[in-house]
């Protein structure tokens, strides 16, 4: 078993033990962490049906785990009063083992560990973290590693909504932090994994039809008011020349085009520029954490001392570099400040 797989499994069972006050000894946690040498896939994970993958996962159970579940699988761990039902030890372990198997086969063990690490650090340092957002809240492993605060079993949330073995794609954790503390979390990640291995993500903005026309019109001396009027009259995703030939365009746009030579020239030139790169940018929240120096995977440039990859996100994904989304959410800062105000004695007095 790889060290990352072991650590992820160990953390999951250790927290499960703590969450439900199971009173497991350390030896029990370690035994539940272990897997057998069986359950090896004979074909790619995306070619295996979920029911078959569940059966393969059962083969990875050690003798100890099978005996343990035989004695304890029907023990209720949590009751859901609004559903008049409860969830048992066997159901939690089976769901957890299935997710661990999928994540192992898709090579995402280290990804979960990294996300769990900086979320745990943020909470420990009194930085407000959003409880959950997006499909990753449907993963029980995200819950037992304390990335989320939602138990998906209680709400009937399916893991396949987050990671589907039939459709191999990158997991996407959108982690919300209070906006004024977001940079502290990024700084922690940079210091822990190395400045040369952490980078923001470059973006490339193309010249859309309206933007291309307005840029060319400005250079040719067409008044801003007129170019803005023409841009407003142009249909989306059509160049001015395409719009003039469209039967759905009004006569006003056609009249302006016919009577102004500079507008005609701008239309012809902008047609050639449309789709070209207009400017470089930086992804608003995406961060890359690479296993080695970023420069081994992508050229970089520095913007205000921030390393920025010169490959955009879709390109980075093709070389298996994962994007971590560190989002700054103003609402979390507002909530935190409200809680602080409510704790002030003078406020409580009134």
Protein backbone atom coordinates (compact mmCIF):
# COMPACT_ATOMS: atom_id res chain seq x y z
CA UNK A 1 0.00 0.00 0.00
CA UNK A 2 1.35 3.42 -0.99
CA UNK A 3 2.03 5.82 1.88
CA UNK A 4 -0.56 8.33 0.59
CA UNK A 5 -3.23 5.66 0.38
CA UNK A 6 -2.41 4.46 3.90
CA UNK A 7 -2.54 7.97 5.36
CA UNK A 8 -5.86 8.74 3.71
CA UNK A 9 -7.39 5.48 4.90
CA UNK A 10 -5.99 5.90 8.40
CA UNK A 11 -7.32 9.46 8.74
CA UNK A 12 -10.75 8.35 7.50
CA UNK A 13 -11.13 5.56 10.05
CA UNK A 14 -9.60 7.57 12.86
CA UNK A 15 -12.15 10.35 12.38
CA UNK A 16 -15.03 7.88 11.95
CA UNK A 17 -14.05 6.43 15.31
CA UNK A 18 -13.98 9.87 16.90
CA UNK A 19 -17.18 11.13 15.26
CA UNK A 20 -19.34 8.27 16.49
CA UNK A 21 -17.50 7.64 19.81
CA UNK A 22 -16.80 4.04 18.83
CA UNK A 23 -14.03 3.64 21.44
CA UNK A 24 -11.80 1.75 19.04
CA UNK A 25 -8.29 1.03 20.21
CA UNK A 26 -5.39 2.11 18.03
CA UNK A 27 -4.90 -1.49 16.90
CA UNK A 28 -8.52 -1.63 15.69
CA UNK A 29 -8.12 1.57 13.66
CA UNK A 30 -4.96 0.18 12.04
CA UNK A 31 -6.62 -3.13 11.24
CA UNK A 32 -9.61 -1.38 9.65
CA UNK A 33 -7.15 0.70 7.61
CA UNK A 34 -5.54 -2.37 6.08
CA UNK A 35 -6.65 -4.02 2.83
CA UNK A 36 -5.94 -7.41 1.31
CA UNK A 37 -3.84 -8.01 -1.80
CA UNK A 38 -6.98 -8.97 -3.72
CA UNK A 39 -9.44 -6.82 -5.65
CA UNK A 40 -6.99 -5.91 -8.43
CA UNK A 41 -8.69 -4.41 -11.48
CA UNK A 42 -8.27 -6.33 -14.71
CA UNK A 43 -9.34 -3.37 -16.88
CA UNK A 44 -9.52 0.43 -16.62
CA UNK A 45 -11.86 1.70 -13.91
CA UNK A 46 -14.07 3.55 -16.42
CA UNK A 47 -14.91 0.24 -18.10
CA UNK A 48 -16.24 -1.32 -14.90
CA UNK A 49 -19.90 -1.10 -13.87
CA UNK A 50 -20.57 0.37 -10.39
CA UNK A 51 -22.11 -2.90 -9.14
CA UNK A 52 -19.05 -4.83 -10.30
CA UNK A 53 -16.75 -2.28 -8.68
CA UNK A 54 -18.63 -2.71 -5.40
CA UNK A 55 -18.02 -6.47 -5.60
CA UNK A 56 -14.33 -5.93 -6.33
CA UNK A 57 -14.12 -3.59 -3.33
CA UNK A 58 -15.49 -6.34 -1.07
CA UNK A 59 -12.58 -8.53 -2.16
CA UNK A 60 -10.15 -6.01 -0.63
CA UNK A 61 -11.54 -6.62 2.88
CA UNK A 62 -9.09 -8.38 5.17
CA UNK A 63 -10.17 -11.33 7.29
CA UNK A 64 -10.13 -9.06 10.34
CA UNK A 65 -12.45 -6.55 8.66
CA UNK A 66 -14.86 -9.24 7.52
CA UNK A 67 -15.05 -10.73 11.03
CA UNK A 68 -15.41 -7.29 12.58
CA UNK A 69 -18.29 -6.33 10.29
CA UNK A 70 -19.97 -9.69 10.81
CA UNK A 71 -20.21 -8.88 14.52
CA UNK A 72 -20.87 -5.13 14.28
CA UNK A 73 -22.39 -4.31 10.89
CA UNK A 74 -25.94 -3.86 12.27
CA UNK A 75 -24.96 -1.43 15.03
CA UNK A 76 -26.81 1.86 14.36
CA UNK A 77 -24.48 4.84 14.25
CA UNK A 78 -26.92 7.65 13.56
CA UNK A 79 -30.68 8.05 13.38
CA UNK A 80 -32.33 10.43 10.90
CA UNK A 81 -35.54 11.53 12.60
CA UNK A 82 -37.09 13.24 9.58
CA UNK A 83 -36.70 10.04 7.56
CA UNK A 84 -37.60 7.71 10.44
CA UNK A 85 -34.53 5.63 9.65
CA UNK A 86 -30.98 4.98 10.83
CA UNK A 87 -27.60 4.15 9.31
CA UNK A 88 -25.48 1.26 10.50
CA UNK A 89 -21.80 0.55 10.93
CA UNK A 90 -21.84 -1.76 7.90
CA UNK A 91 -23.35 0.92 5.65
CA UNK A 92 -20.77 3.52 6.64
CA UNK A 93 -17.82 1.16 6.18
CA UNK A 94 -19.12 -0.17 2.85
CA UNK A 95 -19.64 3.36 1.45
CA UNK A 96 -16.25 4.51 2.74
CA UNK A 97 -14.39 1.52 1.31
CA UNK A 98 -16.06 1.96 -2.08
CA UNK A 99 -15.05 5.62 -2.28
CA UNK A 100 -11.51 4.81 -1.17
CA UNK A 101 -11.26 2.18 -3.92
CA UNK A 102 -12.46 4.58 -6.62
CA UNK A 103 -10.15 7.36 -5.47
CA UNK A 104 -7.20 4.97 -5.36
CA UNK A 105 -7.85 3.71 -8.89
CA UNK A 106 -8.22 7.28 -10.18
CA UNK A 107 -4.95 8.36 -8.50
CA UNK A 108 -6.47 11.05 -6.28
CA UNK A 109 -5.23 9.98 -2.83
CA UNK A 110 -2.70 12.79 -2.54
CA UNK A 111 -5.24 15.33 -3.82
CA UNK A 112 -7.61 14.57 -0.94
CA UNK A 113 -4.75 14.74 1.57
CA UNK A 114 -3.62 18.16 0.33
CA UNK A 115 -7.12 19.65 0.38
CA UNK A 116 -7.82 18.18 3.83
CA UNK A 117 -4.51 19.59 5.08
CA UNK A 118 -5.05 23.23 4.15
CA UNK A 119 -8.73 23.16 5.18
CA UNK A 120 -7.71 21.76 8.56
CA UNK A 121 -4.99 24.42 8.91
CA UNK A 122 -7.43 27.20 8.07
CA UNK A 123 -9.95 26.04 10.67
CA UNK A 124 -7.20 25.65 13.28
CA UNK A 125 -6.10 29.23 12.63
CA UNK A 126 -9.61 30.64 13.03
CA UNK A 127 -10.16 31.24 9.31
CA UNK A 128 -13.78 30.69 8.37
CA UNK A 129 -14.24 27.92 5.79
CA UNK A 130 -17.48 27.30 3.94
CA UNK A 131 -19.29 24.12 5.07
CA UNK A 132 -19.65 22.77 1.51
CA UNK A 133 -20.44 23.79 -2.02
CA UNK A 134 -20.77 21.71 -5.17
CA UNK A 135 -20.73 17.98 -5.79
CA UNK A 136 -17.83 17.20 -3.46
CA UNK A 137 -20.27 17.37 -0.54
CA UNK A 138 -21.64 14.08 -1.90
CA UNK A 139 -18.48 12.24 -0.81
CA UNK A 140 -18.32 10.56 2.58
CA UNK A 141 -14.52 10.59 2.34
CA UNK A 142 -14.61 14.40 2.10
CA UNK A 143 -16.67 14.34 5.29
CA UNK A 144 -14.50 11.95 7.30
CA UNK A 145 -11.35 13.87 6.31
CA UNK A 146 -13.13 17.03 7.57
CA UNK A 147 -13.08 18.83 4.24
CA UNK A 148 -16.86 19.18 4.46
CA UNK A 149 -19.31 19.25 7.35
CA UNK A 150 -22.01 17.23 5.60
CA UNK A 151 -22.67 13.52 6.10
CA UNK A 152 -23.91 12.42 2.65
CA UNK A 153 -25.54 9.24 3.96
CA UNK A 154 -28.00 11.22 6.06
CA UNK A 155 -29.20 13.11 3.00
CA UNK A 156 -29.07 10.29 0.45
CA UNK A 157 -26.28 11.93 -1.59
CA UNK A 158 -24.63 9.68 -4.17
CA UNK A 159 -20.84 9.60 -4.52
CA UNK A 160 -21.12 9.23 -8.31
CA UNK A 161 -22.34 12.84 -8.49
CA UNK A 162 -18.80 13.81 -7.43
CA UNK A 163 -16.61 11.13 -9.00
CA UNK A 164 -18.08 8.74 -11.52
CA UNK A 165 -15.82 5.82 -12.49
CA UNK A 166 -17.54 5.66 -15.88
CA UNK A 167 -16.43 9.21 -16.68
CA UNK A 168 -12.86 9.83 -15.60
CA UNK A 169 -12.52 13.53 -14.86
CA UNK A 170 -10.71 15.67 -12.36
CA UNK A 171 -12.39 16.21 -8.99
CA UNK A 172 -13.24 19.83 -8.35
CA UNK A 173 -13.06 21.20 -4.81
CA UNK A 174 -14.33 24.79 -4.61
CA UNK A 175 -13.25 25.78 -1.12
CA UNK A 176 -14.69 29.02 0.26
CA UNK A 177 -12.64 31.06 2.72
CA UNK A 178 -13.46 34.42 4.26
CA UNK A 179 -12.19 36.85 1.65
CA UNK A 180 -9.85 38.85 3.90
CA UNK A 181 -7.99 35.68 4.99
CA UNK A 182 -7.79 33.83 1.66
CA UNK A 183 -4.20 34.94 0.99
CA UNK A 184 -3.07 33.48 4.31
CA UNK A 185 -4.18 30.01 3.21
CA UNK A 186 -2.39 30.36 -0.13
CA UNK A 187 0.72 31.54 1.73
CA UNK A 188 0.55 28.46 3.98
CA UNK A 189 0.33 26.16 0.95
CA UNK A 190 3.24 27.97 -0.72
CA UNK A 191 5.46 27.66 2.34
CA UNK A 192 4.58 24.00 2.92
CA UNK A 193 4.98 22.67 -0.63
CA UNK A 194 7.58 25.13 -1.90
CA UNK A 195 7.38 28.38 -3.79
CA UNK A 196 8.67 26.73 -6.96
CA UNK A 197 5.89 24.11 -6.86
CA UNK A 198 2.91 26.40 -6.29
CA UNK A 199 1.59 28.65 -9.00
CA UNK A 200 -1.42 30.64 -10.08
CA UNK A 201 -2.96 29.75 -13.44
CA UNK A 202 -2.67 31.86 -16.56
CA UNK A 203 -5.70 32.67 -18.68
CA UNK A 204 -5.97 33.84 -22.28
CA UNK A 205 -8.74 36.13 -23.43
CA UNK A 206 -9.72 36.01 -27.07
CA UNK A 207 -11.05 38.89 -29.12
CA UNK A 208 -14.80 38.42 -29.39
CA UNK A 209 -16.69 40.00 -32.28
CA UNK A 210 -17.87 43.12 -30.46
CA UNK A 211 -14.58 43.72 -28.65
CA UNK A 212 -12.59 43.27 -31.87
CA UNK A 213 -14.77 45.79 -33.70
CA UNK A 214 -14.56 48.40 -30.92
CA UNK A 215 -10.77 48.07 -30.68
CA UNK A 216 -10.29 48.53 -34.43
CA UNK A 217 -12.87 51.35 -34.56
CA UNK A 218 -10.99 53.23 -31.85
CA UNK A 219 -7.71 53.00 -33.80
CA UNK A 220 -9.40 54.21 -37.02
CA UNK A 221 -10.89 57.22 -35.27
CA UNK A 222 -14.53 56.18 -35.18
CA UNK A 223 -16.17 58.13 -32.32
CA UNK A 224 -16.67 56.06 -29.18
CA UNK A 225 -20.41 56.79 -29.06
CA UNK A 226 -20.88 55.45 -32.60
CA UNK A 227 -18.80 52.29 -32.08
CA UNK A 228 -20.63 51.67 -28.82
CA UNK A 229 -23.99 52.08 -30.60
CA UNK A 230 -22.95 49.64 -33.34
CA UNK A 231 -21.71 47.15 -30.75
CA UNK A 232 -25.06 47.34 -28.97
CA UNK A 233 -26.92 46.69 -32.24
CA UNK A 234 -24.73 43.69 -33.19
CA UNK A 235 -26.09 40.21 -32.33
CA UNK A 236 -24.00 38.12 -29.97
CA UNK A 237 -21.35 35.85 -31.53
CA UNK A 238 -21.68 37.45 -34.98
CA UNK A 239 -19.14 39.76 -36.55
CA UNK A 240 -20.39 43.02 -38.06
CA UNK A 241 -20.01 41.64 -41.60
CA UNK A 242 -21.99 38.53 -40.64
CA UNK A 243 -24.62 40.67 -38.96
CA UNK A 244 -25.12 42.86 -42.06
CA UNK A 245 -25.84 39.75 -44.12
CA UNK A 246 -28.26 38.36 -41.55
CA UNK A 247 -31.98 38.86 -42.33
CA UNK A 248 -32.75 39.27 -38.63
CA UNK A 249 -30.68 42.46 -38.20
CA UNK A 250 -32.47 45.81 -38.16
CA UNK A 251 -32.14 48.51 -40.80
CA UNK A 252 -30.44 50.92 -38.40
CA UNK A 253 -27.26 48.85 -38.23
CA UNK A 254 -27.21 48.33 -41.99
CA UNK A 255 -27.65 52.07 -42.60
CA UNK A 256 -24.74 53.02 -40.34
CA UNK A 257 -22.54 50.46 -42.08
CA UNK A 258 -23.47 51.64 -45.60
CA UNK A 259 -22.95 55.35 -44.95
CA UNK A 260 -19.68 55.35 -42.98
CA UNK A 261 -16.46 54.29 -44.76
CA UNK A 262 -14.52 54.00 -41.48
CA UNK A 263 -17.13 51.67 -40.06
CA UNK A 264 -16.84 49.49 -43.18
CA UNK A 265 -13.06 49.39 -42.84
CA UNK A 266 -13.30 48.57 -39.12
CA UNK A 267 -15.73 45.75 -39.91
CA UNK A 268 -13.35 44.21 -42.47
CA UNK A 269 -10.28 44.45 -40.22
CA UNK A 270 -12.05 43.23 -37.08
CA UNK A 271 -13.27 40.17 -39.00
CA UNK A 272 -9.61 39.13 -39.39
CA UNK A 273 -8.78 39.81 -35.72
CA UNK A 274 -11.76 38.02 -34.25
CA UNK A 275 -10.72 34.93 -32.27
CA UNK A 276 -7.11 36.04 -31.81
CA UNK A 277 -5.64 36.37 -28.33
CA UNK A 278 -6.35 39.78 -26.84
CA UNK A 279 -4.61 39.69 -23.47
CA UNK A 280 -3.13 37.52 -20.73
CA UNK A 281 -4.78 37.17 -17.38
CA UNK A 282 -4.68 35.21 -14.15
CA UNK A 283 -7.31 32.76 -12.93
CA UNK A 284 -9.39 34.37 -10.19
CA UNK A 285 -9.02 31.55 -7.66
CA UNK A 286 -7.22 28.55 -9.22
CA UNK A 287 -3.91 27.38 -7.77
CA UNK A 288 -1.64 24.59 -9.04
CA UNK A 289 0.37 22.48 -6.60
CA UNK A 290 2.80 20.36 -8.62
CA UNK A 291 4.81 17.29 -7.50
CA UNK A 292 7.99 19.03 -8.72
CA UNK A 293 9.00 22.48 -9.94
CA UNK A 294 6.25 24.09 -11.98
CA UNK A 295 8.80 24.86 -14.70
CA UNK A 296 9.11 21.13 -15.42
CA UNK A 297 5.49 21.16 -16.58
CA UNK A 298 4.77 24.69 -17.76
CA UNK A 299 6.60 27.93 -18.54
CA UNK A 300 5.85 30.60 -15.94
CA UNK A 301 5.97 34.34 -15.58
CA UNK A 302 5.84 36.53 -12.49
CA UNK A 303 3.08 39.08 -11.90
CA UNK A 304 3.71 41.18 -8.79
CA UNK A 305 5.95 38.42 -7.40
CA UNK A 306 3.23 35.83 -8.05
CA UNK A 307 4.19 32.84 -10.20
CA UNK A 308 1.68 32.34 -13.03
CA UNK A 309 1.66 29.32 -15.34
CA UNK A 310 1.71 30.13 -19.04
CA UNK A 311 -0.54 27.19 -19.84
CA UNK A 312 -4.22 27.73 -19.22
CA UNK A 313 -6.30 25.38 -17.08
CA UNK A 314 -7.57 23.01 -19.83
CA UNK A 315 -3.98 22.52 -21.00
CA UNK A 316 -2.71 21.88 -17.47
CA UNK A 317 -5.46 19.30 -17.00
CA UNK A 318 -4.19 17.31 -20.00
CA UNK A 319 -0.83 16.88 -18.23
CA UNK A 320 -2.59 15.85 -14.98
CA UNK A 321 -1.93 18.93 -12.92
CA UNK A 322 -4.86 19.53 -10.59
CA UNK A 323 -6.42 22.91 -9.97
CA UNK A 324 -7.22 23.83 -6.38
CA UNK A 325 -9.85 26.56 -6.07
CA UNK A 326 -9.25 28.97 -3.20
CA UNK A 327 -12.30 31.23 -3.27
CA UNK A 328 -12.65 34.36 -1.16
CA UNK A 329 -16.27 34.73 -0.04
CA UNK A 330 -17.27 38.07 1.45
CA UNK A 331 -20.36 36.58 3.10
CA UNK A 332 -18.14 34.45 5.36
CA UNK A 333 -16.28 37.57 6.51
CA UNK A 334 -19.60 39.29 7.23
CA UNK A 335 -20.85 36.31 9.24
CA UNK A 336 -17.61 36.17 11.23
CA UNK A 337 -17.82 39.89 12.03
CA UNK A 338 -21.45 39.54 13.09
CA UNK A 339 -20.51 36.75 15.51
CA UNK A 340 -17.72 38.94 16.94
CA UNK A 341 -20.13 41.84 17.46
CA UNK A 342 -22.68 39.59 19.17
CA UNK A 343 -20.01 38.49 21.66
CA UNK A 344 -19.16 42.07 22.71
CA UNK A 345 -20.49 42.63 26.28
CA UNK A 346 -21.78 46.14 25.48
CA UNK A 347 -23.77 44.78 22.53
CA UNK A 348 -25.27 42.00 24.63
CA UNK A 349 -26.20 44.49 27.36
CA UNK A 350 -28.40 46.45 24.98
